[in-house]
Structures are given as C-alpha cells and as structure tokens.
Amino acid sequence: MVPLLLVLLLALVLFGAGFALKALWFVAVIVLAVWLLGFVMRSAGTDGSRGRWYRW
C-alpha cells in the first residue's frame, strides 16, 4: 500500500511541477511581449530623444 501511495504522490508532484513550469513559460512570454511593446512604443522626450519607458 505504501509503494502505491508513494507512486501516486510522485505522479501528483510531477504533474504539479509540469503545470507550474508551463504557467511560468506563459508568464515569461507575456512579460517579454509587454517589454517589447514598451521598447517600441516609448515616448520621445522634449529634446527629441527617446526616453526610457520604465522607471527603474
């Protein structure tokens, strides 16, 4: 009974890790898209130069 529970627990952990990694890939792609959009659409300063679109 214990080996069966261990196998089921391992399957649950691996399924959860796979889902979390896939979700993190989606988050990374969304962040990259927002960064690229901000880089392309940044506003020009008063002197005509392109400023930073982020605050840090």
PDB file of N, CA and C in Angstrom:
ATOM      1  N   MET A   1       0.826  -1.196   0.000  1.00  0.00           N
ATOM      2  CA  MET A   1       0.000   0.000   0.000  1.00  0.00           C
ATOM      3  C   MET A   1       0.871   1.261   0.000  1.00  0.00           C
ATOM      4  N   VAL A   2       1.962   1.245   0.761  1.00  0.00           N
ATOM      5  CA  VAL A   2       2.842   2.413   0.850  1.00  0.00           C
ATOM      6  C   VAL A   2       3.509   2.706  -0.496  1.00  0.00           C
ATOM      7  N   PRO A   3       4.032   1.678  -1.219  1.00  0.00           N
ATOM      8  CA  PRO A   3       4.621   1.998  -2.533  1.00  0.00           C
ATOM      9  C   PRO A   3       3.603   2.612  -3.502  1.00  0.00           C
ATOM     10  N   LEU A   4       2.361   2.153  -3.460  1.00  0.00           N
ATOM     11  CA  LEU A   4       1.333   2.717  -4.323  1.00  0.00           C
ATOM     12  C   LEU A   4       1.090   4.178  -3.981  1.00  0.00           C
ATOM     13  N   LEU A   5       1.031   4.500  -2.704  1.00  0.00           N
ATOM     14  CA  LEU A   5       0.853   5.888  -2.279  1.00  0.00           C
ATOM     15  C   LEU A   5       2.050   6.750  -2.687  1.00  0.00           C
ATOM     16  N   LEU A   6       3.239   6.198  -2.581  1.00  0.00           N
ATOM     17  CA  LEU A   6       4.429   6.945  -2.983  1.00  0.00           C
ATOM     18  C   LEU A   6       4.422   7.227  -4.496  1.00  0.00           C
ATOM     19  N   VAL A   7       4.012   6.241  -5.279  1.00  0.00           N
ATOM     20  CA  VAL A   7       3.947   6.436  -6.730  1.00  0.00           C
ATOM     21  C   VAL A   7       2.888   7.471  -7.070  1.00  0.00           C
ATOM     22  N   LEU A   8       1.743   7.408  -6.417  1.00  0.00           N
ATOM     23  CA  LEU A   8       0.696   8.395  -6.664  1.00  0.00           C
ATOM     24  C   LEU A   8       1.143   9.797  -6.235  1.00  0.00           C
ATOM     25  N   LEU A   9       1.841   9.884  -5.115  1.00  0.00           N
ATOM     26  CA  LEU A   9       2.354  11.173  -4.656  1.00  0.00           C
ATOM     27  C   LEU A   9       3.392  11.721  -5.629  1.00  0.00           C
ATOM     28  N   LEU A  10       4.265  10.862  -6.128  1.00  0.00           N
ATOM     29  CA  LEU A  10       5.260  11.289  -7.109  1.00  0.00           C
ATOM     30  C   LEU A  10       4.586  11.770  -8.392  1.00  0.00           C
ATOM     31  N   ALA A  11       3.569  11.058  -8.848  1.00  0.00           N
ATOM     32  CA  ALA A  11       2.840  11.475 -10.050  1.00  0.00           C
ATOM     33  C   ALA A  11       2.165  12.827  -9.832  1.00  0.00           C
ATOM     34  N   LEU A  12       1.611  13.034  -8.664  1.00  0.00           N
ATOM     35  CA  LEU A  12       0.965  14.308  -8.344  1.00  0.00           C
ATOM     36  C   LEU A  12       1.974  15.448  -8.313  1.00  0.00           C
ATOM     37  N   VAL A  13       3.125  15.214  -7.725  1.00  0.00           N
ATOM     38  CA  VAL A  13       4.176  16.243  -7.656  1.00  0.00           C
ATOM     39  C   VAL A  13       4.687  16.574  -9.054  1.00  0.00           C
ATOM     40  N   LEU A  14       4.934  15.545  -9.864  1.00  0.00           N
ATOM     41  CA  LEU A  14       5.428  15.794 -11.221  1.00  0.00           C
ATOM     42  C   LEU A  14       4.389  16.509 -12.083  1.00  0.00           C
ATOM     43  N   PHE A  15       3.114  16.166 -11.920  1.00  0.00           N
ATOM     44  CA  PHE A  15       2.054  16.853 -12.650  1.00  0.00           C
ATOM     45  C   PHE A  15       1.983  18.318 -12.229  1.00  0.00           C
ATOM     46  N   GLY A  16       2.075  18.569 -10.924  1.00  0.00           N
ATOM     47  CA  GLY A  16       2.036  19.945 -10.424  1.00  0.00           C
ATOM     48  C   GLY A  16       3.227  20.757 -10.903  1.00  0.00           C
ATOM     49  N   ALA A  17       4.410  20.149 -10.914  1.00  0.00           N
ATOM     50  CA  ALA A  17       5.600  20.852 -11.379  1.00  0.00           C
ATOM     51  C   ALA A  17       5.500  21.152 -12.871  1.00  0.00           C
ATOM     52  N   GLY A  18       4.990  20.218 -13.637  1.00  0.00           N
ATOM     53  CA  GLY A  18       4.825  20.447 -15.068  1.00  0.00           C
ATOM     54  C   GLY A  18       3.847  21.569 -15.348  1.00  0.00           C
ATOM     55  N   PHE A  19       2.749  21.606 -14.610  1.00  0.00           N
ATOM     56  CA  PHE A  19       1.771  22.679 -14.786  1.00  0.00           C
ATOM     57  C   PHE A  19       2.372  24.020 -14.389  1.00  0.00           C
ATOM     58  N   ALA A  20       3.119  24.050 -13.283  1.00  0.00           N
ATOM     59  CA  ALA A  20       3.728  25.305 -12.824  1.00  0.00           C
ATOM     60  C   ALA A  20       4.760  25.806 -13.827  1.00  0.00           C
ATOM     61  N   LEU A  21       5.565  24.904 -14.383  1.00  0.00           N
ATOM     62  CA  LEU A  21       6.567  25.319 -15.364  1.00  0.00           C
ATOM     63  C   LEU A  21       5.913  25.844 -16.637  1.00  0.00           C
ATOM     64  N   LYS A  22       4.822  25.204 -17.061  1.00  0.00           N
ATOM     65  CA  LYS A  22       4.123  25.679 -18.245  1.00  0.00           C
ATOM     66  C   LYS A  22       3.514  27.054 -17.973  1.00  0.00           C
ATOM     67  N   ALA A  23       2.951  27.254 -16.793  1.00  0.00           N
ATOM     68  CA  ALA A  23       2.385  28.556 -16.438  1.00  0.00           C
ATOM     69  C   ALA A  23       3.482  29.615 -16.391  1.00  0.00           C
ATOM     70  N   LEU A  24       4.665  29.258 -15.887  1.00  0.00           N
ATOM     71  CA  LEU A  24       5.773  30.218 -15.846  1.00  0.00           C
ATOM     72  C   LEU A  24       6.242  30.576 -17.254  1.00  0.00           C
ATOM     73  N   TRP A  25       6.199  29.633 -18.179  1.00  0.00           N
ATOM     74  CA  TRP A  25       6.549  29.948 -19.570  1.00  0.00           C
ATOM     75  C   TRP A  25       5.566  30.962 -20.144  1.00  0.00           C
ATOM     76  N   PHE A  26       4.261  30.779 -19.857  1.00  0.00           N
ATOM     77  CA  PHE A  26       3.270  31.737 -20.341  1.00  0.00           C
ATOM     78  C   PHE A  26       3.511  33.119 -19.744  1.00  0.00           C
ATOM     79  N   VAL A  27       3.826  33.178 -18.464  1.00  0.00           N
ATOM     80  CA  VAL A  27       4.114  34.463 -17.811  1.00  0.00           C
ATOM     81  C   VAL A  27       5.343  35.105 -18.441  1.00  0.00           C
ATOM     82  N   ALA A  28       6.376  34.318 -18.700  1.00  0.00           N
ATOM     83  CA  ALA A  28       7.601  34.855 -19.306  1.00  0.00           C
ATOM     84  C   ALA A  28       7.326  35.400 -20.704  1.00  0.00           C
ATOM     85  N   VAL A  29       6.510  34.724 -21.491  1.00  0.00           N
ATOM     86  CA  VAL A  29       6.188  35.199 -22.836  1.00  0.00           C
ATOM     87  C   VAL A  29       5.382  36.494 -22.766  1.00  0.00           C
ATOM     88  N   ILE A  30       4.447  36.596 -21.831  1.00  0.00           N
ATOM     89  CA  ILE A  30       3.654  37.817 -21.681  1.00  0.00           C
ATOM     90  C   ILE A  30       4.532  38.978 -21.255  1.00  0.00           C
ATOM     91  N   VAL A  31       5.432  38.753 -20.300  1.00  0.00           N
ATOM     92  CA  VAL A  31       6.339  39.813 -19.857  1.00  0.00           C
ATOM     93  C   VAL A  31       7.248  40.258 -21.001  1.00  0.00           C
ATOM     94  N   LEU A  32       7.743  39.322 -21.786  1.00  0.00           N
ATOM     95  CA  LEU A  32       8.586  39.668 -22.926  1.00  0.00           C
ATOM     96  C   LEU A  32       7.812  40.507 -23.943  1.00  0.00           C
ATOM     97  N   ALA A  33       6.556  40.143 -24.202  1.00  0.00           N
ATOM     98  CA  ALA A  33       5.737  40.904 -25.151  1.00  0.00           C
ATOM     99  C   ALA A  33       5.492  42.319 -24.644  1.00  0.00           C
ATOM    100  N   VAL A  34       5.197  42.464 -23.353  1.00  0.00           N
ATOM    101  CA  VAL A  34       4.985  43.800 -22.782  1.00  0.00           C
ATOM    102  C   VAL A  34       6.265  44.614 -22.850  1.00  0.00           C
ATOM    103  N   TRP A  35       7.399  43.989 -22.575  1.00  0.00           N
ATOM    104  CA  TRP A  35       8.676  44.707 -22.632  1.00  0.00           C
ATOM    105  C   TRP A  35       8.967  45.174 -24.054  1.00  0.00           C
ATOM    106  N   LEU A  36       8.744  44.291 -25.033  1.00  0.00           N
ATOM    107  CA  LEU A  36       8.990  44.674 -26.423  1.00  0.00           C
ATOM    108  C   LEU A  36       8.048  45.786 -26.874  1.00  0.00           C
ATOM    109  N   LEU A  37       6.779  45.702 -26.484  1.00  0.00           N
ATOM    110  CA  LEU A  37       5.839  46.774 -26.824  1.00  0.00           C
ATOM    111  C   LEU A  37       6.264  48.094 -26.194  1.00  0.00           C
ATOM    112  N   GLY A  38       6.685  48.059 -24.955  1.00  0.00           N
ATOM    113  CA  GLY A  38       7.149  49.272 -24.297  1.00  0.00           C
ATOM    114  C   GLY A  38       8.408  49.821 -24.929  1.00  0.00           C
ATOM    115  N   PHE A  39       9.269  48.957 -25.387  1.00  0.00           N
ATOM    116  CA  PHE A  39      10.503  49.396 -26.039  1.00  0.00           C
ATOM    117  C   PHE A  39      10.193  50.074 -27.370  1.00  0.00           C
ATOM    118  N   VAL A  40       9.254  49.516 -28.123  1.00  0.00           N
ATOM    119  CA  VAL A  40       8.902  50.067 -29.424  1.00  0.00           C
ATOM    120  C   VAL A  40       8.074  51.349 -29.288  1.00  0.00           C
ATOM    121  N   MET A  41       7.189  51.394 -28.305  1.00  0.00           N
ATOM    122  CA  MET A  41       6.245  52.498 -28.198  1.00  0.00           C
ATOM    123  C   MET A  41       6.658  53.556 -27.184  1.00  0.00           C
ATOM    124  N   ARG A  42       7.924  53.597 -26.809  1.00  0.00           N
ATOM    125  CA  ARG A  42       8.338  54.577 -25.817  1.00  0.00           C
ATOM    126  C   ARG A  42       8.201  55.984 -26.388  1.00  0.00           C
ATOM    127  N   SER A  43       7.908  56.927 -25.513  1.00  0.00           N
ATOM    128  CA  SER A  43       7.642  58.287 -25.967  1.00  0.00           C
ATOM    129  C   SER A  43       8.947  59.060 -26.130  1.00  0.00           C
ATOM    130  N   ALA A  44       8.891  60.078 -26.955  1.00  0.00           N
ATOM    131  CA  ALA A  44      10.055  60.929 -27.185  1.00  0.00           C
ATOM    132  C   ALA A  44      10.086  62.030 -26.131  1.00  0.00           C
ATOM    133  N   GLY A  45      11.283  62.424 -25.744  1.00  0.00           N
ATOM    134  CA  GLY A  45      11.448  63.490 -24.775  1.00  0.00           C
ATOM    135  C   GLY A  45      11.242  64.858 -25.413  1.00  0.00           C
ATOM    136  N   THR A  46      11.386  65.930 -24.627  1.00  0.00           N
ATOM    137  CA  THR A  46      11.189  67.284 -25.136  1.00  0.00           C
ATOM    138  C   THR A  46      12.278  67.675 -26.135  1.00  0.00           C
ATOM    139  N   ASP A  47      13.452  67.070 -26.001  1.00  0.00           N
ATOM    140  CA  ASP A  47      14.538  67.394 -26.926  1.00  0.00           C
ATOM    141  C   ASP A  47      14.576  66.462 -28.139  1.00  0.00           C
ATOM    142  N   GLY A  48      13.575  65.620 -28.296  1.00  0.00           N
ATOM    143  CA  GLY A  48      13.500  64.739 -29.450  1.00  0.00           C
ATOM    144  C   GLY A  48      14.141  63.383 -29.252  1.00  0.00           C
ATOM    145  N   SER A  49      14.849  63.202 -28.138  1.00  0.00           N
ATOM    146  CA  SER A  49      15.484  61.900 -27.894  1.00  0.00           C
ATOM    147  C   SER A  49      14.468  60.933 -27.309  1.00  0.00           C
ATOM    148  N   ARG A  50      14.741  59.667 -27.522  1.00  0.00           N
ATOM    149  CA  ARG A  50      13.837  58.645 -26.994  1.00  0.00           C
ATOM    150  C   ARG A  50      14.183  58.379 -25.538  1.00  0.00           C
ATOM    151  N   GLY A  51      13.208  58.483 -24.669  1.00  0.00           N
ATOM    152  CA  GLY A  51      13.434  58.271 -23.255  1.00  0.00           C
ATOM    153  C   GLY A  51      13.215  56.836 -22.853  1.00  0.00           C
ATOM    154  N   ARG A  52      13.498  56.562 -21.609  1.00  0.00           N
ATOM    155  CA  ARG A  52      13.225  55.229 -21.079  1.00  0.00           C
ATOM    156  C   ARG A  52      11.739  55.121 -20.793  1.00  0.00           C
ATOM    157  N   TRP A  53      11.156  53.950 -21.040  1.00  0.00           N
ATOM    158  CA  TRP A  53       9.734  53.778 -20.764  1.00  0.00           C
ATOM    159  C   TRP A  53       9.509  53.154 -19.391  1.00  0.00           C
ATOM    160  N   TYR A  54      10.564  52.734 -18.747  1.00  0.00           N
ATOM    161  CA  TYR A  54      10.443  52.141 -17.419  1.00  0.00           C
ATOM    162  C   TYR A  54      10.997  53.104 -16.387  1.00  0.00           C
ATOM    163  N   ARG A  55      10.689  52.893 -15.125  1.00  0.00           N
ATOM    164  CA  ARG A  55      11.041  53.838 -14.079  1.00  0.00           C
ATOM    165  C   ARG A  55      12.282  53.454 -13.287  1.00  0.00           C
ATOM    166  N   TRP A  56      12.738  52.208 -13.372  1.00  0.00           N
ATOM    167  CA  TRP A  56      13.864  51.822 -12.519  1.00  0.00           C
ATOM    168  C   TRP A  56      15.199  52.151 -13.104  1.00  0.00           C
TER     169      TRP A  56
END
